[in-house]
Amino acid sequence: MQVTWDADWGEEDAADYDALVLRSPAGHPAQTRPWAEIARAGALVTTRFALVRDGRDAVGAALVQRPSWAGLRLPWAAVERGPVVREPGALAEVTRVLRRALRRRGVARLRVMPYWSDEGAATAEAALRDAGLRDVQRPDGAHACTLRVALGGRPDAQLFAGGDREQLRKRIRQAERAGAVARRGVDRDWDAVPSLYRAMMAAQGRRDRPAAWWAALRRHVADESRGALFVCEAGGGTVAAAVVLRHGAQATFGWGASVTEDLPFSKSVPALVAAIRWARDAGCERFDLGGVPLEDDRDPKRNAIARFKLVFDPHRVRLVREHAGWC
């Protein structure tokens, strides 16, 4: 196996990279080539694309991020929701090859988190251990558990049916009685979304994202094949927003925000319901709720988010935990 970096790619390399990330069951937006702009926006990060070949066959892909300071790249790297391979067992050798290539480029430590689920996640973690990496998952790190709503062209009557979604149907009715209306976001809505997010983060004592990041995300989802914005309006103003990413057969709830004041309905439900219907109509097979904390996590804020998402689907999906190792 050999690694080819994007600066040395030939005519077929970019197409092979895109095809592998799109067709792999573990492909993720954060490993696509357009995502590099978002990764760099407002952060001291450099990005490189690595394509791993076994002979002529493309077997691994990775968007590698390295932090930098004063123009110098620091000696560690991360592959968010990657590397991408066709089947989880291939991660061992692909990771070994990638680590050797990164060592030659001055990287001392590598952190990865491939996006396999359930049984695939267990196989992927065994492969990462075989490659010499260890579990470094933190409760406040990137999520290693999620919830998914099956779409498959279901009509509205079936989409939110069942006793385990009774609370969701109740919240939908409450929002309708309160006059809340959800719709697809337009250009002017992007002025309100960062303000909502900033106020919500301030109320939680957390940091906002920089303006350059929001601008990059806005450009990214301007292409409907990559995602969309949804907003909920009530009382003459925007009370909630949700940004959804799309990749292959899956749509994923990426970021959401709502006004901090109490209202007589669940503010984020209408926007998410609209997003789920949009994903179904776009031909997606599933809608990912964007992660929930692990079952042994006792943090009250993270579990409050989990309780909100569990009304959409109560069945947890295990993902690969974050792994890291020296190069």
Protein backbone atom coordinates (compact mmCIF):
# COMPACT_ATOMS: atom_id res chain seq x y z
CA MET A 1 0.00 0.00 0.00
CA GLN A 2 1.08 3.57 -0.69
CA VAL A 3 -0.23 6.99 0.32
CA THR A 4 -0.62 9.76 -2.25
CA TRP A 5 -1.17 13.28 -0.91
CA ASP A 6 -3.42 15.71 -2.75
CA ALA A 7 -0.51 17.91 -3.88
CA ASP A 8 0.71 14.94 -5.94
CA TRP A 9 -2.64 13.67 -7.22
CA GLY A 10 -3.11 12.77 -10.84
CA GLU A 11 -6.27 12.99 -12.89
CA GLU A 12 -7.97 9.93 -11.37
CA ASP A 13 -7.03 10.44 -7.72
CA ALA A 14 -9.64 13.08 -6.80
CA ALA A 15 -12.41 11.07 -8.47
CA ASP A 16 -11.30 7.89 -6.68
CA TYR A 17 -11.21 9.71 -3.34
CA ASP A 18 -14.74 11.10 -3.84
CA ALA A 19 -16.09 7.72 -4.95
CA LEU A 20 -14.65 5.88 -1.95
CA VAL A 21 -16.03 8.39 0.58
CA LEU A 22 -19.45 8.39 -1.09
CA ARG A 23 -19.84 4.63 -1.51
CA SER A 24 -18.39 3.43 1.78
CA PRO A 25 -20.99 2.55 4.46
CA ALA A 26 -18.84 4.67 6.78
CA GLY A 27 -18.55 7.73 4.54
CA HIS A 28 -19.17 11.02 6.32
CA PRO A 29 -19.43 14.70 5.29
CA ALA A 30 -16.35 15.51 7.40
CA GLN A 31 -14.25 13.37 5.05
CA THR A 32 -15.44 14.94 1.80
CA ARG A 33 -13.25 17.35 -0.12
CA PRO A 34 -15.66 20.33 0.19
CA TRP A 35 -15.51 19.96 4.00
CA ALA A 36 -11.91 21.15 4.11
CA GLU A 37 -13.07 24.76 3.80
CA ILE A 38 -15.21 24.42 6.94
CA ALA A 39 -12.41 22.66 8.83
CA ARG A 40 -10.06 25.58 8.14
CA ALA A 41 -12.59 28.38 8.64
CA GLY A 42 -11.87 30.45 11.72
CA ALA A 43 -9.36 27.93 13.06
CA LEU A 44 -5.59 27.56 12.98
CA VAL A 45 -5.78 24.31 11.05
CA THR A 46 -4.20 23.05 7.84
CA THR A 47 -5.78 20.24 5.82
CA ARG A 48 -4.42 17.60 3.48
CA PHE A 49 -6.12 14.75 1.63
CA ALA A 50 -4.55 11.31 1.70
CA LEU A 51 -5.50 8.53 -0.71
CA VAL A 52 -4.29 5.04 0.17
CA ARG A 53 -3.89 2.64 -2.74
CA ASP A 54 -3.23 -1.06 -2.85
CA GLY A 55 -1.69 -1.24 -6.28
CA ARG A 56 -4.13 0.74 -8.42
CA ASP A 57 -7.09 0.10 -6.12
CA ALA A 58 -8.16 2.97 -3.81
CA VAL A 59 -8.66 1.35 -0.38
CA GLY A 60 -8.48 4.27 2.07
CA ALA A 61 -9.25 7.99 2.19
CA ALA A 62 -8.56 10.59 4.86
CA LEU A 63 -9.01 14.33 5.30
CA VAL A 64 -6.14 15.02 7.71
CA GLN A 65 -6.28 18.10 9.92
CA ARG A 66 -3.20 19.54 11.63
CA PRO A 67 -3.23 22.49 14.04
CA SER A 68 -0.77 25.27 13.33
CA TRP A 69 0.68 28.19 15.24
CA ALA A 70 2.58 31.18 13.89
CA GLY A 71 2.68 29.51 10.48
CA LEU A 72 4.15 26.27 11.82
CA ARG A 73 2.26 22.96 11.70
CA LEU A 74 2.21 21.24 15.10
CA PRO A 75 3.25 17.58 15.39
CA TRP A 76 -0.15 15.97 15.78
CA ALA A 77 -3.02 15.25 13.40
CA ALA A 78 -6.67 14.22 13.44
CA VAL A 79 -8.94 12.42 10.99
CA GLU A 80 -12.49 13.30 12.02
CA ARG A 81 -14.90 10.44 11.22
CA GLY A 82 -12.25 8.64 9.25
CA PRO A 83 -10.16 7.12 7.72
CA VAL A 84 -12.76 5.88 5.25
CA VAL A 85 -12.46 2.30 4.01
CA ARG A 86 -14.82 -0.12 2.29
CA GLU A 87 -15.09 -2.57 5.18
CA PRO A 88 -14.03 -2.09 8.83
CA GLY A 89 -11.44 -4.86 8.91
CA ALA A 90 -9.34 -2.91 6.40
CA LEU A 91 -8.74 -0.16 8.95
CA ALA A 92 -5.76 -1.91 10.54
CA GLU A 93 -3.48 -1.85 7.51
CA VAL A 94 -4.78 1.46 6.14
CA THR A 95 -4.14 3.11 9.52
CA ARG A 96 -0.62 1.66 9.72
CA VAL A 97 0.22 2.98 6.26
CA LEU A 98 -1.26 6.39 7.04
CA ARG A 99 0.70 6.65 10.31
CA ARG A 100 3.97 5.87 8.58
CA ALA A 101 3.26 8.50 5.93
CA LEU A 102 2.37 11.08 8.60
CA ARG A 103 5.54 10.29 10.56
CA ARG A 104 7.58 11.18 7.50
CA ARG A 105 5.71 14.51 7.43
CA GLY A 106 6.57 15.36 11.02
CA VAL A 107 3.47 14.07 12.82
CA ALA A 108 4.11 12.42 16.18
CA ARG A 109 0.57 11.51 17.23
CA LEU A 110 -2.57 10.63 15.27
CA ARG A 111 -6.21 10.69 16.42
CA VAL A 112 -8.93 8.95 14.38
CA MET A 113 -12.64 8.16 14.67
CA PRO A 114 -14.02 6.12 11.72
CA TYR A 115 -17.78 6.29 11.24
CA TRP A 116 -18.83 2.63 11.45
CA SER A 117 -21.91 1.65 13.45
CA ASP A 118 -23.10 -1.29 15.59
CA GLU A 119 -21.27 -4.54 14.62
CA GLY A 120 -19.13 -2.61 12.16
CA ALA A 121 -18.04 -0.35 15.03
CA ALA A 122 -16.86 -3.32 17.10
CA THR A 123 -14.88 -4.69 14.14
CA ALA A 124 -13.41 -1.25 13.42
CA GLU A 125 -12.27 -0.78 17.03
CA ALA A 126 -10.60 -4.20 17.02
CA ALA A 127 -8.78 -3.21 13.81
CA LEU A 128 -7.62 0.08 15.35
CA ARG A 129 -6.28 -1.78 18.40
CA ASP A 130 -4.48 -4.16 16.05
CA ALA A 131 -2.89 -1.10 14.43
CA GLY A 132 -1.59 0.05 17.81
CA LEU A 133 -4.13 2.74 18.68
CA ARG A 134 -6.01 2.94 21.96
CA ASP A 135 -9.42 4.19 23.08
CA VAL A 136 -9.23 7.86 24.17
CA GLN A 137 -12.97 8.65 24.11
CA ARG A 138 -14.00 11.48 26.45
CA PRO A 139 -17.58 12.18 27.62
CA ASP A 140 -17.34 15.72 26.23
CA GLY A 141 -15.70 14.63 22.97
CA ALA A 142 -17.23 13.82 19.60
CA HIS A 143 -20.24 11.53 20.09
CA ALA A 144 -19.81 7.75 19.94
CA CYS A 145 -23.51 6.95 20.10
CA THR A 146 -26.44 8.24 18.06
CA LEU A 147 -30.11 7.82 17.14
CA ARG A 148 -31.47 7.28 13.62
CA VAL A 149 -34.94 7.63 12.15
CA ALA A 150 -35.71 5.20 9.32
CA LEU A 151 -37.16 7.05 6.32
CA GLY A 152 -37.37 4.79 3.27
CA GLY A 153 -40.11 6.84 1.59
CA ARG A 154 -42.52 6.46 4.52
CA PRO A 155 -45.62 8.68 4.42
CA ASP A 156 -46.19 11.11 7.30
CA ALA A 157 -48.68 8.74 8.93
CA GLN A 158 -45.93 6.13 9.33
CA LEU A 159 -42.91 8.38 9.80
CA PHE A 160 -43.73 9.28 13.41
CA ALA A 161 -46.03 6.35 14.23
CA GLY A 162 -45.75 3.94 17.14
CA GLY A 163 -46.08 4.04 20.90
CA ASP A 164 -42.43 5.00 21.38
CA ARG A 165 -43.07 8.26 19.49
CA GLU A 166 -46.20 9.30 21.35
CA GLN A 167 -44.33 12.14 23.07
CA LEU A 168 -43.10 13.41 19.72
CA ARG A 169 -46.62 13.50 18.26
CA LYS A 170 -47.78 15.36 21.37
CA ARG A 171 -45.04 17.97 20.93
CA ILE A 172 -45.90 18.38 17.26
CA ARG A 173 -49.55 19.07 18.18
CA GLN A 174 -48.50 21.55 20.89
CA ALA A 175 -46.40 23.49 18.39
CA GLU A 176 -49.23 23.55 15.86
CA ARG A 177 -51.69 24.88 18.47
CA ALA A 178 -49.18 27.59 19.42
CA GLY A 179 -49.02 28.73 15.79
CA ALA A 180 -45.41 27.64 15.24
CA VAL A 181 -44.48 27.17 11.57
CA ALA A 182 -41.34 25.45 10.26
CA ARG A 183 -39.92 26.01 6.80
CA ARG A 184 -36.79 25.65 4.71
CA GLY A 185 -34.35 28.44 5.48
CA VAL A 186 -33.47 31.14 2.94
CA ASP A 187 -30.54 33.57 2.70
CA ARG A 188 -31.91 36.10 5.17
CA ASP A 189 -32.28 33.38 7.85
CA TRP A 190 -28.52 32.90 7.99
CA ASP A 191 -28.27 36.31 9.69
CA ALA A 192 -30.39 35.04 12.59
CA VAL A 193 -28.84 31.60 13.06
CA PRO A 194 -25.43 32.72 14.46
CA SER A 195 -27.21 35.09 16.85
CA LEU A 196 -29.41 32.30 18.18
CA TYR A 197 -26.40 30.01 18.57
CA ARG A 198 -24.32 32.71 20.27
CA ALA A 199 -27.02 33.44 22.83
CA MET A 200 -27.54 29.74 23.53
CA MET A 201 -23.81 29.11 24.00
CA ALA A 202 -23.50 32.15 26.29
CA ALA A 203 -26.35 30.83 28.46
CA GLN A 204 -24.42 27.53 28.80
CA GLY A 205 -21.09 29.23 29.47
CA ARG A 206 -19.63 27.93 26.21
CA ARG A 207 -17.84 29.58 23.27
CA ASP A 208 -19.46 30.61 20.01
CA ARG A 209 -18.11 29.65 16.60
CA PRO A 210 -16.32 32.36 14.56
CA ALA A 211 -18.09 34.27 11.81
CA ALA A 212 -15.82 32.71 9.15
CA TRP A 213 -17.03 29.25 10.17
CA TRP A 214 -20.69 30.22 9.81
CA ALA A 215 -19.96 31.78 6.41
CA ALA A 216 -18.23 28.58 5.25
CA LEU A 217 -21.11 26.41 6.48
CA ARG A 218 -23.59 28.67 4.67
CA ARG A 219 -21.68 28.24 1.40
CA HIS A 220 -21.43 24.50 1.96
CA VAL A 221 -25.17 23.86 2.27
CA ALA A 222 -26.04 26.29 -0.51
CA ASP A 223 -25.67 23.09 -2.55
CA GLU A 224 -28.80 21.10 -1.63
CA SER A 225 -26.97 17.82 -2.17
CA ARG A 226 -24.84 18.71 0.88
CA GLY A 227 -27.56 19.87 3.28
CA ALA A 228 -30.05 22.57 4.19
CA LEU A 229 -31.17 25.03 6.87
CA PHE A 230 -34.57 24.87 8.58
CA VAL A 231 -36.16 27.45 10.86
CA CYS A 232 -39.18 27.59 13.15
CA GLU A 233 -41.13 30.83 13.43
CA ALA A 234 -43.63 31.83 16.11
CA GLY A 235 -44.95 35.14 17.36
CA GLY A 236 -43.50 36.99 14.39
CA GLY A 237 -39.90 35.90 14.92
CA THR A 238 -37.47 33.01 14.47
CA VAL A 239 -37.41 30.85 17.61
CA ALA A 240 -35.28 27.90 16.44
CA ALA A 241 -33.03 26.75 13.61
CA ALA A 242 -31.48 23.47 12.51
CA VAL A 243 -28.66 22.84 10.03
CA VAL A 244 -28.78 19.42 8.39
CA LEU A 245 -25.98 17.75 6.43
CA ARG A 246 -26.56 15.23 3.67
CA HIS A 247 -24.21 12.50 2.48
CA GLY A 248 -25.28 9.58 0.34
CA ALA A 249 -28.34 7.86 1.82
CA GLN A 250 -28.13 9.68 5.15
CA ALA A 251 -29.09 13.13 6.40
CA THR A 252 -27.64 14.24 9.75
CA PHE A 253 -28.69 16.92 12.19
CA GLY A 254 -25.53 18.98 12.52
CA TRP A 255 -26.22 22.10 14.59
CA GLY A 256 -29.27 23.61 16.22
CA ALA A 257 -30.14 26.66 18.28
CA SER A 258 -33.24 28.20 19.82
CA VAL A 259 -34.23 31.28 21.79
CA THR A 260 -33.43 31.02 25.48
CA GLU A 261 -36.84 32.10 26.78
CA ASP A 262 -39.52 29.55 27.62
CA LEU A 263 -42.36 29.02 25.15
CA PRO A 264 -45.50 26.84 25.42
CA PHE A 265 -44.08 24.26 23.02
CA SER A 266 -40.81 22.49 22.23
CA LYS A 267 -39.05 25.10 20.07
CA SER A 268 -36.75 22.82 18.07
CA VAL A 269 -39.25 20.07 17.24
CA PRO A 270 -40.96 21.78 14.25
CA ALA A 271 -37.64 22.56 12.50
CA LEU A 272 -36.38 18.99 12.98
CA VAL A 273 -39.67 17.50 11.80
CA ALA A 274 -39.44 19.65 8.66
CA ALA A 275 -35.83 18.50 8.16
CA ILE A 276 -36.79 14.83 8.49
CA ARG A 277 -39.56 15.22 5.92
CA TRP A 278 -37.19 17.02 3.57
CA ALA A 279 -34.62 14.22 3.88
CA ARG A 280 -37.27 11.61 3.13
CA ASP A 281 -38.49 13.52 0.07
CA ALA A 282 -34.88 13.88 -1.11
CA GLY A 283 -34.54 10.09 -1.16
CA CYS A 284 -32.49 9.58 2.03
CA GLU A 285 -32.91 6.23 3.80
CA ARG A 286 -32.27 7.48 7.34
CA PHE A 287 -32.02 10.62 9.41
CA ASP A 288 -29.30 10.76 12.05
CA LEU A 289 -30.14 12.87 15.11
CA GLY A 290 -26.53 14.02 15.45
CA GLY A 291 -25.49 11.97 18.45
CA VAL A 292 -26.37 11.39 22.09
CA PRO A 293 -24.12 10.79 25.12
CA LEU A 294 -23.10 7.27 26.04
CA GLU A 295 -25.45 5.52 28.44
CA ASP A 296 -23.03 5.79 31.38
CA ASP A 297 -22.63 9.59 30.93
CA ARG A 298 -24.12 11.42 33.92
CA ASP A 299 -23.64 15.00 32.71
CA PRO A 300 -27.03 16.76 33.16
CA LYS A 301 -26.70 19.08 30.14
CA ARG A 302 -25.73 16.32 27.72
CA ASN A 303 -28.51 14.08 29.05
CA ALA A 304 -31.06 16.87 28.66
CA ILE A 305 -30.17 16.93 24.96
CA ALA A 306 -30.49 13.14 24.84
CA ARG A 307 -33.97 13.23 26.39
CA PHE A 308 -35.08 15.68 23.70
CA LYS A 309 -33.72 13.53 20.87
CA LEU A 310 -35.01 10.23 22.27
CA VAL A 311 -38.61 11.25 21.49
CA PHE A 312 -37.72 10.91 17.78
CA ASP A 313 -36.28 7.40 18.13
CA PRO A 314 -35.34 5.53 21.32
CA HIS A 315 -32.98 2.98 19.76
CA ARG A 316 -29.34 3.83 20.33
CA VAL A 317 -26.78 3.14 17.60
CA ARG A 318 -23.22 2.49 18.70
CA LEU A 319 -20.43 4.25 16.79
CA VAL A 320 -16.62 3.91 16.85
CA ARG A 321 -15.04 5.55 19.86
CA GLU A 322 -12.16 7.97 19.39
CA HIS A 323 -8.75 6.26 19.16
CA ALA A 324 -5.22 7.68 19.14
CA GLY A 325 -1.64 6.53 19.01
CA TRP A 326 1.96 7.63 18.43
CA CYS A 327 3.28 7.60 14.91
